[in-house]
N, C-alpha and C. Protein backbone atom coordinates (compact mmCIF):
# COMPACT_ATOMS: atom_id res chain seq x y z
N MET A 1 0.85 -1.20 0.00
CA MET A 1 0.00 0.00 0.00
C MET A 1 0.88 1.24 0.00
N LYS A 2 0.67 2.11 -0.98
CA LYS A 2 1.50 3.31 -1.09
C LYS A 2 0.83 4.48 -0.38
N LYS A 3 1.50 4.97 0.68
CA LYS A 3 0.98 6.06 1.50
C LYS A 3 1.81 7.32 1.24
N ILE A 4 1.14 8.37 0.79
CA ILE A 4 1.80 9.63 0.49
C ILE A 4 1.43 10.65 1.56
N VAL A 5 2.42 11.38 2.03
CA VAL A 5 2.19 12.45 3.00
C VAL A 5 2.62 13.76 2.36
N ILE A 6 1.68 14.69 2.23
CA ILE A 6 1.96 16.02 1.70
C ILE A 6 1.81 17.01 2.85
N GLY A 7 2.87 17.73 3.17
CA GLY A 7 2.79 18.57 4.36
C GLY A 7 3.57 19.86 4.25
N CYS A 8 3.29 20.74 5.20
CA CYS A 8 3.98 22.03 5.31
C CYS A 8 5.31 21.83 6.04
N SER A 9 6.35 22.45 5.53
CA SER A 9 7.68 22.30 6.11
C SER A 9 7.78 22.83 7.54
N VAL A 10 6.80 23.61 7.98
CA VAL A 10 6.81 24.13 9.35
C VAL A 10 6.84 23.00 10.37
N ILE A 11 6.22 21.87 10.06
CA ILE A 11 6.17 20.75 11.00
C ILE A 11 7.03 19.57 10.54
N ARG A 12 7.88 19.82 9.59
CA ARG A 12 8.71 18.73 9.04
C ARG A 12 9.61 18.11 10.10
N LYS A 13 10.30 18.93 10.88
CA LYS A 13 11.25 18.40 11.87
C LYS A 13 10.56 17.53 12.91
N GLU A 14 9.36 17.95 13.32
CA GLU A 14 8.61 17.16 14.30
C GLU A 14 8.24 15.79 13.73
N ILE A 15 7.79 15.77 12.48
CA ILE A 15 7.41 14.50 11.85
C ILE A 15 8.64 13.61 11.65
N GLU A 16 9.73 14.20 11.21
CA GLU A 16 10.93 13.41 10.95
C GLU A 16 11.52 12.81 12.23
N LYS A 17 11.22 13.41 13.35
CA LYS A 17 11.68 12.84 14.62
C LYS A 17 11.13 11.44 14.81
N TYR A 18 9.91 11.20 14.32
CA TYR A 18 9.26 9.91 14.48
C TYR A 18 9.36 9.02 13.25
N TYR A 19 9.49 9.61 12.09
CA TYR A 19 9.42 8.82 10.85
C TYR A 19 10.65 8.95 9.97
N GLU A 20 11.76 9.43 10.51
CA GLU A 20 12.95 9.69 9.70
C GLU A 20 13.42 8.45 8.95
N ASN A 21 13.37 7.30 9.58
CA ASN A 21 13.85 6.07 8.95
C ASN A 21 12.72 5.13 8.52
N SER A 22 11.52 5.67 8.43
CA SER A 22 10.38 4.84 8.08
C SER A 22 10.24 4.71 6.57
N ALA A 23 9.97 3.49 6.14
CA ALA A 23 9.72 3.23 4.72
C ALA A 23 8.22 3.10 4.45
N ASP A 24 7.41 3.39 5.46
CA ASP A 24 5.96 3.22 5.31
C ASP A 24 5.32 4.35 4.52
N PHE A 25 5.99 5.51 4.48
CA PHE A 25 5.41 6.69 3.85
C PHE A 25 6.39 7.33 2.87
N GLU A 26 5.83 7.98 1.87
CA GLU A 26 6.61 8.84 0.99
C GLU A 26 6.21 10.28 1.28
N PHE A 27 7.17 11.11 1.63
CA PHE A 27 6.88 12.47 2.07
C PHE A 27 7.13 13.48 0.95
N ASP A 28 6.22 14.43 0.86
CA ASP A 28 6.31 15.51 -0.12
C ASP A 28 6.11 16.81 0.65
N TRP A 29 7.21 17.52 0.95
CA TRP A 29 7.14 18.72 1.77
C TRP A 29 7.06 19.97 0.90
N LEU A 30 6.11 20.83 1.19
CA LEU A 30 5.92 22.07 0.45
C LEU A 30 6.46 23.25 1.26
N GLU A 31 6.79 24.33 0.56
CA GLU A 31 7.43 25.48 1.18
C GLU A 31 6.58 26.06 2.30
N ASP A 32 7.25 26.47 3.37
CA ASP A 32 6.53 26.98 4.54
C ASP A 32 5.87 28.33 4.28
N HIS A 33 6.42 29.13 3.35
CA HIS A 33 5.88 30.48 3.14
C HIS A 33 4.55 30.49 2.40
N LEU A 34 4.11 29.34 1.90
CA LEU A 34 2.89 29.31 1.10
C LEU A 34 1.64 29.67 1.89
N HIS A 35 1.71 29.56 3.24
CA HIS A 35 0.53 29.91 4.03
C HIS A 35 0.21 31.39 3.92
N ASN A 36 1.19 32.18 3.45
CA ASN A 36 0.94 33.61 3.26
C ASN A 36 0.20 33.91 1.96
N ILE A 37 0.13 32.92 1.08
CA ILE A 37 -0.49 33.10 -0.25
C ILE A 37 -1.47 31.96 -0.47
N PRO A 38 -2.71 32.05 0.07
CA PRO A 38 -3.66 30.94 0.00
C PRO A 38 -3.90 30.39 -1.41
N GLU A 39 -3.97 31.27 -2.40
CA GLU A 39 -4.22 30.81 -3.76
C GLU A 39 -3.08 29.92 -4.27
N THR A 40 -1.85 30.33 -3.96
CA THR A 40 -0.70 29.54 -4.39
C THR A 40 -0.61 28.24 -3.61
N LEU A 41 -0.90 28.29 -2.31
CA LEU A 41 -0.91 27.07 -1.50
C LEU A 41 -1.92 26.08 -2.07
N HIS A 42 -3.10 26.57 -2.42
CA HIS A 42 -4.13 25.70 -3.01
C HIS A 42 -3.59 25.00 -4.27
N LYS A 43 -2.99 25.76 -5.15
CA LYS A 43 -2.48 25.20 -6.41
C LYS A 43 -1.37 24.19 -6.17
N LYS A 44 -0.47 24.52 -5.22
CA LYS A 44 0.65 23.63 -4.93
C LYS A 44 0.18 22.30 -4.34
N VAL A 45 -0.79 22.38 -3.42
CA VAL A 45 -1.31 21.15 -2.81
C VAL A 45 -2.02 20.30 -3.85
N GLN A 46 -2.86 20.92 -4.67
CA GLN A 46 -3.57 20.16 -5.69
C GLN A 46 -2.60 19.55 -6.69
N SER A 47 -1.58 20.29 -7.06
CA SER A 47 -0.59 19.77 -7.99
C SER A 47 0.15 18.57 -7.39
N ALA A 48 0.48 18.66 -6.10
CA ALA A 48 1.17 17.55 -5.44
C ALA A 48 0.29 16.31 -5.40
N ILE A 49 -0.99 16.51 -5.14
CA ILE A 49 -1.94 15.39 -5.15
C ILE A 49 -1.99 14.76 -6.53
N ASP A 50 -2.09 15.59 -7.54
CA ASP A 50 -2.22 15.11 -8.92
C ASP A 50 -0.99 14.33 -9.38
N GLU A 51 0.16 14.67 -8.83
CA GLU A 51 1.40 14.00 -9.24
C GLU A 51 1.49 12.57 -8.73
N HIS A 52 0.80 12.28 -7.63
CA HIS A 52 0.89 10.95 -7.02
C HIS A 52 -0.27 10.08 -7.49
N ARG A 53 -0.26 9.77 -8.76
CA ARG A 53 -1.37 9.00 -9.37
C ARG A 53 -1.42 7.55 -8.89
N ASP A 54 -0.30 7.03 -8.39
CA ASP A 54 -0.27 5.63 -7.97
C ASP A 54 -0.45 5.47 -6.47
N ALA A 55 -0.82 6.54 -5.78
CA ALA A 55 -1.02 6.46 -4.33
C ALA A 55 -2.28 5.68 -3.98
N ASP A 56 -2.23 4.99 -2.86
CA ASP A 56 -3.42 4.30 -2.34
C ASP A 56 -4.15 5.16 -1.31
N ILE A 57 -3.43 6.06 -0.66
CA ILE A 57 -4.02 7.00 0.28
C ILE A 57 -3.07 8.19 0.42
N ILE A 58 -3.63 9.38 0.57
CA ILE A 58 -2.83 10.59 0.73
C ILE A 58 -3.21 11.28 2.03
N TYR A 59 -2.21 11.59 2.84
CA TYR A 59 -2.43 12.32 4.08
C TYR A 59 -1.96 13.76 3.87
N LEU A 60 -2.81 14.72 4.20
CA LEU A 60 -2.44 16.13 4.13
C LEU A 60 -2.15 16.66 5.53
N LEU A 61 -0.95 17.15 5.73
CA LEU A 61 -0.60 17.72 7.03
C LEU A 61 -0.84 19.22 7.00
N TYR A 62 -2.09 19.56 6.82
CA TYR A 62 -2.56 20.93 6.77
C TYR A 62 -3.87 21.01 7.54
N GLY A 63 -4.39 22.23 7.68
CA GLY A 63 -5.71 22.44 8.23
C GLY A 63 -6.54 23.22 7.23
N HIS A 64 -7.48 23.96 7.75
CA HIS A 64 -8.32 24.82 6.90
C HIS A 64 -7.47 25.87 6.19
N CYS A 65 -6.50 26.43 6.92
CA CYS A 65 -5.48 27.31 6.36
C CYS A 65 -6.07 28.46 5.53
N GLY A 66 -6.96 29.23 6.14
CA GLY A 66 -7.51 30.39 5.46
C GLY A 66 -8.23 30.05 4.18
N GLN A 67 -8.92 28.92 4.14
CA GLN A 67 -9.69 28.45 3.00
C GLN A 67 -8.82 27.95 1.85
N ALA A 68 -7.52 27.88 2.06
CA ALA A 68 -6.63 27.44 0.98
C ALA A 68 -6.90 26.01 0.54
N LEU A 69 -7.40 25.18 1.46
CA LEU A 69 -7.63 23.78 1.11
C LEU A 69 -9.05 23.53 0.59
N CYS A 70 -9.89 24.56 0.60
CA CYS A 70 -11.26 24.40 0.10
C CYS A 70 -11.23 24.08 -1.40
N ASP A 71 -12.03 23.11 -1.79
CA ASP A 71 -12.17 22.65 -3.18
C ASP A 71 -10.96 21.86 -3.67
N ILE A 72 -10.05 21.51 -2.77
CA ILE A 72 -9.01 20.54 -3.14
C ILE A 72 -9.70 19.21 -3.42
N GLN A 73 -9.35 18.59 -4.52
CA GLN A 73 -10.05 17.38 -4.95
C GLN A 73 -9.18 16.14 -4.79
N ALA A 74 -9.78 15.12 -4.20
CA ALA A 74 -9.16 13.80 -4.21
C ALA A 74 -9.30 13.23 -5.61
N ARG A 75 -8.33 12.51 -6.06
CA ARG A 75 -8.38 11.94 -7.40
C ARG A 75 -8.75 10.45 -7.33
N GLN A 76 -7.76 9.60 -7.47
CA GLN A 76 -8.04 8.17 -7.55
C GLN A 76 -8.03 7.49 -6.19
N CYS A 77 -7.64 8.20 -5.13
CA CYS A 77 -7.57 7.58 -3.81
C CYS A 77 -8.09 8.56 -2.76
N PRO A 78 -8.43 8.08 -1.59
CA PRO A 78 -8.94 8.97 -0.54
C PRO A 78 -7.84 9.88 0.02
N ILE A 79 -8.28 11.01 0.54
CA ILE A 79 -7.42 11.96 1.23
C ILE A 79 -7.86 12.03 2.69
N VAL A 80 -6.90 12.06 3.60
CA VAL A 80 -7.19 12.23 5.02
C VAL A 80 -6.52 13.52 5.48
N ILE A 81 -7.26 14.33 6.24
CA ILE A 81 -6.75 15.62 6.69
C ILE A 81 -7.28 15.89 8.10
N PRO A 82 -6.47 16.45 8.98
CA PRO A 82 -6.97 16.77 10.33
C PRO A 82 -8.00 17.89 10.27
N LYS A 83 -9.01 17.79 11.09
CA LYS A 83 -10.09 18.79 11.09
C LYS A 83 -9.71 19.92 12.05
N VAL A 84 -8.79 20.77 11.58
CA VAL A 84 -8.29 21.88 12.39
C VAL A 84 -8.21 23.13 11.54
N GLU A 85 -8.02 24.26 12.21
CA GLU A 85 -7.96 25.53 11.51
C GLU A 85 -6.61 25.73 10.81
N ASP A 86 -5.52 25.39 11.51
CA ASP A 86 -4.19 25.66 10.97
C ASP A 86 -3.15 24.89 11.77
N CYS A 87 -1.86 25.16 11.49
CA CYS A 87 -0.79 24.45 12.18
C CYS A 87 -0.73 24.77 13.67
N ILE A 88 -1.20 25.94 14.05
CA ILE A 88 -1.25 26.28 15.48
C ILE A 88 -2.15 25.29 16.21
N GLU A 89 -3.30 25.04 15.63
CA GLU A 89 -4.23 24.10 16.26
C GLU A 89 -3.70 22.67 16.21
N VAL A 90 -2.92 22.34 15.19
CA VAL A 90 -2.27 21.03 15.16
C VAL A 90 -1.36 20.86 16.37
N LEU A 91 -0.50 21.85 16.60
CA LEU A 91 0.48 21.76 17.68
C LEU A 91 -0.14 21.89 19.06
N LEU A 92 -1.28 22.60 19.15
CA LEU A 92 -1.92 22.84 20.45
C LEU A 92 -3.31 22.21 20.50
N TYR A 93 -3.47 21.10 19.82
CA TYR A 93 -4.80 20.48 19.68
C TYR A 93 -5.42 20.14 21.03
N HIS A 94 -4.61 19.74 21.98
CA HIS A 94 -5.13 19.31 23.28
C HIS A 94 -5.08 20.42 24.33
N ASN A 95 -4.83 21.63 23.88
CA ASN A 95 -4.79 22.77 24.80
C ASN A 95 -6.14 23.49 24.76
N PRO A 96 -6.92 23.45 25.83
CA PRO A 96 -8.25 24.06 25.81
C PRO A 96 -8.22 25.59 25.76
N GLU A 97 -7.06 26.18 25.96
CA GLU A 97 -6.95 27.64 25.98
C GLU A 97 -6.48 28.22 24.65
N VAL A 98 -6.37 27.40 23.61
CA VAL A 98 -5.78 27.87 22.36
C VAL A 98 -6.56 29.02 21.75
N ASN A 99 -7.88 28.97 21.78
CA ASN A 99 -8.67 30.05 21.18
C ASN A 99 -8.51 31.36 21.95
N GLU A 100 -8.43 31.26 23.26
CA GLU A 100 -8.20 32.46 24.07
C GLU A 100 -6.81 33.02 23.82
N MET A 101 -5.83 32.15 23.66
CA MET A 101 -4.46 32.58 23.42
C MET A 101 -4.32 33.30 22.09
N ARG A 102 -5.12 32.92 21.11
CA ARG A 102 -5.06 33.55 19.79
C ARG A 102 -5.36 35.05 19.86
N ARG A 103 -6.14 35.45 20.83
CA ARG A 103 -6.55 36.86 20.91
C ARG A 103 -5.41 37.79 21.30
N THR A 104 -4.42 37.26 21.98
CA THR A 104 -3.35 38.12 22.50
C THR A 104 -1.96 37.71 22.03
N SER A 105 -1.84 36.54 21.37
CA SER A 105 -0.52 35.99 21.12
C SER A 105 -0.25 35.74 19.65
N TYR A 106 0.98 36.03 19.24
CA TYR A 106 1.47 35.61 17.94
C TYR A 106 2.33 34.38 18.18
N PHE A 107 1.99 33.28 17.50
CA PHE A 107 2.64 32.00 17.77
C PHE A 107 3.87 31.80 16.90
N ILE A 108 4.84 31.12 17.49
CA ILE A 108 6.06 30.77 16.77
C ILE A 108 6.55 29.43 17.30
N SER A 109 7.16 28.64 16.44
CA SER A 109 7.73 27.36 16.86
C SER A 109 9.08 27.20 16.20
N GLN A 110 9.78 26.12 16.53
CA GLN A 110 11.09 25.89 15.91
C GLN A 110 10.95 25.80 14.39
N GLY A 111 9.87 25.23 13.92
CA GLY A 111 9.64 25.12 12.48
C GLY A 111 9.58 26.48 11.80
N TRP A 112 8.94 27.45 12.43
CA TRP A 112 8.88 28.80 11.86
C TRP A 112 10.25 29.46 11.92
N LEU A 113 11.01 29.19 12.97
CA LEU A 113 12.35 29.78 13.07
C LEU A 113 13.28 29.23 12.00
N TRP A 114 13.10 27.96 11.61
CA TRP A 114 13.92 27.36 10.57
C TRP A 114 13.49 27.83 9.18
N GLY A 115 12.27 28.25 9.04
CA GLY A 115 11.70 28.52 7.73
C GLY A 115 12.29 29.72 7.03
N ASN A 116 12.04 29.79 5.73
CA ASN A 116 12.56 30.88 4.90
C ASN A 116 11.79 32.18 5.09
N GLU A 117 10.65 32.12 5.73
CA GLU A 117 9.83 33.31 5.89
C GLU A 117 9.64 33.66 7.36
N ASN A 118 10.61 33.33 8.20
CA ASN A 118 10.42 33.59 9.62
C ASN A 118 10.51 35.08 9.92
N LEU A 119 10.14 35.45 11.14
CA LEU A 119 10.05 36.86 11.50
C LEU A 119 11.40 37.57 11.45
N GLY A 120 12.46 36.85 11.76
CA GLY A 120 13.78 37.46 11.71
C GLY A 120 14.15 37.87 10.30
N TYR A 121 13.88 37.01 9.34
CA TYR A 121 14.18 37.34 7.95
C TYR A 121 13.33 38.51 7.47
N GLU A 122 12.08 38.52 7.91
CA GLU A 122 11.18 39.60 7.52
C GLU A 122 11.75 40.95 7.97
N TYR A 123 12.20 41.00 9.19
CA TYR A 123 12.81 42.21 9.74
C TYR A 123 14.08 42.57 8.96
N ASP A 124 14.91 41.57 8.70
CA ASP A 124 16.18 41.81 8.03
C ASP A 124 15.97 42.36 6.62
N ARG A 125 14.96 41.87 5.91
CA ARG A 125 14.69 42.35 4.55
C ARG A 125 14.31 43.83 4.57
N ILE A 126 13.43 44.19 5.51
CA ILE A 126 13.01 45.59 5.60
C ILE A 126 14.19 46.47 6.01
N LYS A 127 15.00 45.97 6.94
CA LYS A 127 16.16 46.73 7.42
C LYS A 127 17.14 46.98 6.28
N GLU A 128 17.40 45.97 5.46
CA GLU A 128 18.34 46.11 4.36
C GLU A 128 17.88 47.15 3.34
N LYS A 129 16.57 47.19 3.13
CA LYS A 129 16.03 48.08 2.11
C LYS A 129 15.78 49.49 2.62
N HIS A 130 15.32 49.60 3.90
CA HIS A 130 14.87 50.90 4.40
C HIS A 130 15.60 51.38 5.65
N GLY A 131 16.46 50.55 6.22
CA GLY A 131 17.17 50.95 7.42
C GLY A 131 16.54 50.39 8.69
N GLU A 132 17.32 50.41 9.78
CA GLU A 132 16.89 49.76 11.02
C GLU A 132 15.69 50.46 11.67
N LYS A 133 15.68 51.78 11.69
CA LYS A 133 14.59 52.49 12.35
C LYS A 133 13.26 52.18 11.69
N ARG A 134 13.24 52.21 10.36
CA ARG A 134 11.98 51.93 9.68
C ARG A 134 11.59 50.46 9.83
N ALA A 135 12.58 49.57 9.81
CA ALA A 135 12.29 48.14 9.98
C ALA A 135 11.61 47.90 11.32
N LEU A 136 12.15 48.51 12.39
CA LEU A 136 11.54 48.35 13.71
C LEU A 136 10.13 48.92 13.75
N ARG A 137 9.96 50.07 13.13
CA ARG A 137 8.65 50.71 13.11
C ARG A 137 7.62 49.87 12.36
N VAL A 138 8.04 49.32 11.24
CA VAL A 138 7.12 48.53 10.41
C VAL A 138 6.72 47.24 11.11
N VAL A 139 7.69 46.48 11.63
CA VAL A 139 7.35 45.19 12.24
C VAL A 139 6.54 45.38 13.52
N LYS A 140 6.83 46.42 14.27
CA LYS A 140 6.04 46.67 15.49
C LYS A 140 4.60 47.04 15.13
N SER A 141 4.43 47.77 14.04
CA SER A 141 3.09 48.13 13.58
C SER A 141 2.32 46.90 13.13
N MET A 142 3.03 45.97 12.47
CA MET A 142 2.37 44.76 11.96
C MET A 142 1.82 43.89 13.08
N TYR A 143 2.50 43.90 14.22
CA TYR A 143 2.10 43.01 15.32
C TYR A 143 1.60 43.77 16.54
N LYS A 144 1.12 44.98 16.33
CA LYS A 144 0.72 45.84 17.44
C LYS A 144 -0.52 45.32 18.17
N ASN A 145 -1.30 44.44 17.54
CA ASN A 145 -2.51 43.93 18.18
C ASN A 145 -2.24 42.74 19.11
N TYR A 146 -0.97 42.32 19.17
CA TYR A 146 -0.60 41.21 20.04
C TYR A 146 0.14 41.73 21.28
N ARG A 147 0.04 40.98 22.35
CA ARG A 147 0.77 41.31 23.58
C ARG A 147 1.96 40.37 23.78
N TYR A 148 1.82 39.14 23.28
CA TYR A 148 2.82 38.12 23.56
C TYR A 148 3.33 37.46 22.28
N LEU A 149 4.59 37.08 22.30
CA LEU A 149 5.14 36.15 21.32
C LEU A 149 5.13 34.80 22.02
N MET A 150 4.25 33.92 21.58
CA MET A 150 4.04 32.64 22.25
C MET A 150 4.85 31.55 21.57
N TYR A 151 5.91 31.13 22.23
CA TYR A 151 6.75 30.07 21.66
C TYR A 151 6.15 28.70 22.00
N VAL A 152 5.92 27.89 20.98
CA VAL A 152 5.36 26.55 21.16
C VAL A 152 6.51 25.54 21.14
N ASN A 153 6.80 24.99 22.28
CA ASN A 153 7.90 24.05 22.45
C ASN A 153 7.40 22.64 22.13
N THR A 154 7.96 22.02 21.09
CA THR A 154 7.52 20.68 20.69
C THR A 154 8.56 19.61 20.97
N GLY A 155 9.66 19.99 21.65
CA GLY A 155 10.65 19.00 22.04
C GLY A 155 11.73 18.72 21.02
N ILE A 156 11.84 19.53 19.99
CA ILE A 156 12.88 19.31 18.97
C ILE A 156 13.85 20.48 18.91
N GLU A 157 13.83 21.30 19.94
CA GLU A 157 14.51 22.58 19.90
C GLU A 157 16.03 22.48 19.94
N GLU A 158 16.67 23.36 19.16
CA GLU A 158 18.11 23.53 19.26
C GLU A 158 18.40 24.48 20.44
N SER A 159 19.64 24.45 20.91
CA SER A 159 19.99 25.23 22.10
C SER A 159 19.84 26.73 21.88
N ARG A 160 19.96 27.18 20.65
CA ARG A 160 19.91 28.62 20.37
C ARG A 160 18.50 29.18 20.31
N VAL A 161 17.49 28.33 20.37
CA VAL A 161 16.13 28.76 20.03
C VAL A 161 15.61 29.84 20.97
N ARG A 162 15.87 29.73 22.26
CA ARG A 162 15.33 30.73 23.18
C ARG A 162 15.96 32.10 22.97
N ASN A 163 17.22 32.11 22.62
CA ASN A 163 17.86 33.38 22.30
C ASN A 163 17.25 33.99 21.04
N ASP A 164 16.99 33.15 20.04
CA ASP A 164 16.34 33.62 18.82
C ASP A 164 14.97 34.20 19.13
N CYS A 165 14.21 33.50 19.96
CA CYS A 165 12.86 33.97 20.32
C CYS A 165 12.92 35.29 21.07
N SER A 166 13.88 35.41 21.97
CA SER A 166 14.02 36.66 22.72
C SER A 166 14.32 37.83 21.79
N ASN A 167 15.17 37.59 20.80
CA ASN A 167 15.50 38.64 19.84
C ASN A 167 14.29 39.06 19.02
N VAL A 168 13.51 38.06 18.59
CA VAL A 168 12.31 38.35 17.81
C VAL A 168 11.31 39.13 18.65
N ALA A 169 11.07 38.68 19.89
CA ALA A 169 10.12 39.35 20.77
C ALA A 169 10.52 40.80 21.01
N GLU A 170 11.81 41.03 21.18
CA GLU A 170 12.30 42.39 21.41
C GLU A 170 12.04 43.27 20.19
N ARG A 171 12.29 42.73 19.02
CA ARG A 171 12.06 43.49 17.79
C ARG A 171 10.60 43.87 17.63
N LEU A 172 9.71 42.96 18.03
CA LEU A 172 8.28 43.20 17.85
C LEU A 172 7.66 43.97 19.01
N GLY A 173 8.42 44.17 20.08
CA GLY A 173 7.87 44.85 21.24
C GLY A 173 6.87 44.00 21.99
N LEU A 174 7.09 42.68 22.00
CA LEU A 174 6.17 41.75 22.64
C LEU A 174 6.85 41.06 23.82
N GLN A 175 6.02 40.56 24.74
CA GLN A 175 6.53 39.75 25.84
C GLN A 175 6.65 38.30 25.36
N LEU A 176 7.76 37.67 25.69
CA LEU A 176 7.97 36.28 25.29
C LEU A 176 7.35 35.33 26.32
N ARG A 177 6.52 34.44 25.84
CA ARG A 177 5.95 33.38 26.67
C ARG A 177 6.15 32.04 25.98
N GLU A 178 5.98 30.97 26.73
CA GLU A 178 6.21 29.63 26.18
C GLU A 178 5.10 28.69 26.61
N THR A 179 4.71 27.82 25.70
CA THR A 179 3.75 26.77 26.00
C THR A 179 4.21 25.50 25.33
N HIS A 180 3.70 24.37 25.78
CA HIS A 180 4.11 23.08 25.22
C HIS A 180 3.11 22.62 24.16
N GLY A 181 3.65 22.09 23.09
CA GLY A 181 2.81 21.55 22.02
C GLY A 181 3.29 20.17 21.62
N ASP A 182 2.54 19.53 20.74
CA ASP A 182 2.93 18.21 20.24
C ASP A 182 2.25 17.95 18.90
N ILE A 183 2.61 16.87 18.26
CA ILE A 183 1.99 16.51 16.98
C ILE A 183 1.25 15.18 17.06
N HIS A 184 0.74 14.86 18.24
CA HIS A 184 0.05 13.58 18.40
C HIS A 184 -1.17 13.47 17.48
N LEU A 185 -1.80 14.59 17.18
CA LEU A 185 -2.93 14.56 16.25
C LEU A 185 -2.49 13.99 14.90
N LEU A 186 -1.33 14.41 14.42
CA LEU A 186 -0.83 13.92 13.14
C LEU A 186 -0.29 12.49 13.26
N LEU A 187 0.37 12.18 14.36
CA LEU A 187 0.90 10.83 14.55
C LEU A 187 -0.23 9.81 14.57
N ASN A 188 -1.32 10.15 15.25
CA ASN A 188 -2.47 9.24 15.28
C ASN A 188 -3.05 9.05 13.89
N MET A 189 -3.12 10.14 13.14
CA MET A 189 -3.66 10.06 11.78
C MET A 189 -2.82 9.12 10.92
N LEU A 190 -1.50 9.29 10.98
CA LEU A 190 -0.61 8.45 10.18
C LEU A 190 -0.60 7.01 10.67
N ASP A 191 -0.96 6.81 11.92
CA ASP A 191 -1.05 5.44 12.46
C ASP A 191 -2.39 4.78 12.11
N GLY A 192 -3.25 5.52 11.42
CA GLY A 192 -4.49 4.93 10.96
C GLY A 192 -5.70 5.16 11.83
N VAL A 193 -5.57 6.04 12.84
CA VAL A 193 -6.72 6.35 13.70
C VAL A 193 -7.78 7.09 12.89
N ILE A 194 -9.01 6.66 12.99
CA ILE A 194 -10.11 7.30 12.29
C ILE A 194 -11.18 7.69 13.32
N ASP A 195 -11.35 9.00 13.53
CA ASP A 195 -12.40 9.47 14.42
C ASP A 195 -12.81 10.87 13.98
N ASP A 196 -13.54 11.58 14.83
CA ASP A 196 -14.07 12.90 14.46
C ASP A 196 -12.99 13.98 14.34
N SER A 197 -11.76 13.65 14.66
CA SER A 197 -10.68 14.63 14.55
C SER A 197 -10.17 14.78 13.12
N TYR A 198 -10.66 13.91 12.22
CA TYR A 198 -10.13 13.88 10.86
C TYR A 198 -11.25 13.89 9.82
N LEU A 199 -10.90 14.39 8.65
CA LEU A 199 -11.80 14.33 7.50
C LEU A 199 -11.26 13.30 6.52
N ILE A 200 -12.15 12.50 5.97
CA ILE A 200 -11.78 11.54 4.93
C ILE A 200 -12.52 11.92 3.66
N ILE A 201 -11.77 12.30 2.65
CA ILE A 201 -12.34 12.75 1.38
C ILE A 201 -12.26 11.60 0.38
N PRO A 202 -13.40 11.04 -0.04
CA PRO A 202 -13.38 9.91 -0.98
C PRO A 202 -12.87 10.34 -2.35
N PRO A 203 -12.43 9.39 -3.16
CA PRO A 203 -11.98 9.71 -4.52
C PRO A 203 -13.02 10.50 -5.30
N GLU A 204 -12.55 11.49 -6.04
CA GLU A 204 -13.34 12.35 -6.90
C GLU A 204 -14.24 13.32 -6.12
N CYS A 205 -14.03 13.43 -4.82
CA CYS A 205 -14.77 14.40 -4.01
C CYS A 205 -13.82 15.53 -3.58
N CYS A 206 -14.42 16.62 -3.09
CA CYS A 206 -13.64 17.81 -2.75
C CYS A 206 -13.73 18.14 -1.26
N ILE A 207 -12.73 18.82 -0.77
CA ILE A 207 -12.74 19.37 0.59
C ILE A 207 -13.61 20.62 0.58
N LYS A 208 -14.57 20.70 1.50
CA LYS A 208 -15.46 21.85 1.58
C LYS A 208 -15.29 22.54 2.93
N GLU A 209 -15.51 23.85 2.95
CA GLU A 209 -15.29 24.63 4.15
C GLU A 209 -16.13 24.14 5.33
N ASP A 210 -17.38 23.79 5.08
CA ASP A 210 -18.25 23.40 6.19
C ASP A 210 -17.83 22.08 6.84
N MET A 211 -16.95 21.34 6.20
CA MET A 211 -16.46 20.10 6.78
C MET A 211 -15.63 20.36 8.04
N PHE A 212 -15.05 21.57 8.15
CA PHE A 212 -14.19 21.87 9.29
C PHE A 212 -14.98 22.37 10.49
N ARG A 213 -16.26 22.57 10.34
CA ARG A 213 -17.07 23.02 11.46
C ARG A 213 -17.30 21.87 12.42
N LYS A 214 -17.00 22.12 13.69
CA LYS A 214 -17.10 21.06 14.69
C LYS A 214 -18.47 21.04 15.35
């Protein structure tokens, strides 16, 4: 049975911690910055699905993602996807305070720090083009509605991560906080668990927005 996993690189390190040497799955990782461009993310995910014509089942390591996954079509095999809003909810699925935390916190994890579109790079690009003062002014304005930079610790952290987070929080004018997260929602899915936490899209059917309503 050929199992294909199509996922966002933001959670790649967490998945590889458990499946690095596994021959049970074929992984297809898409760029982490695509969540900023829903239309492009939609096209990339659909294209990845279409390329795996010989798959028996495809697992999507995504959520609703700003409607980017709406109207994604399963082809010759079923698609399984977690019934969550985004990667934040994946990592904090068992945290009952996640919705309250969203109101005051901008979330970051090791995956975002490794990514090509992390907050540090964003600041550096603006600084290079417009100077440090404007870079600070712009990034602080972008995140002015948040009080905290909430670091989600998933247990794969490098030693430098807290220093990186402190630097980012300082640039944004936010207080640094930390919470624990995990990817058990995804691990259970890949282990074949089928319950109300997941959507199963039959062949030739599409993902619809109302499917994510709990």
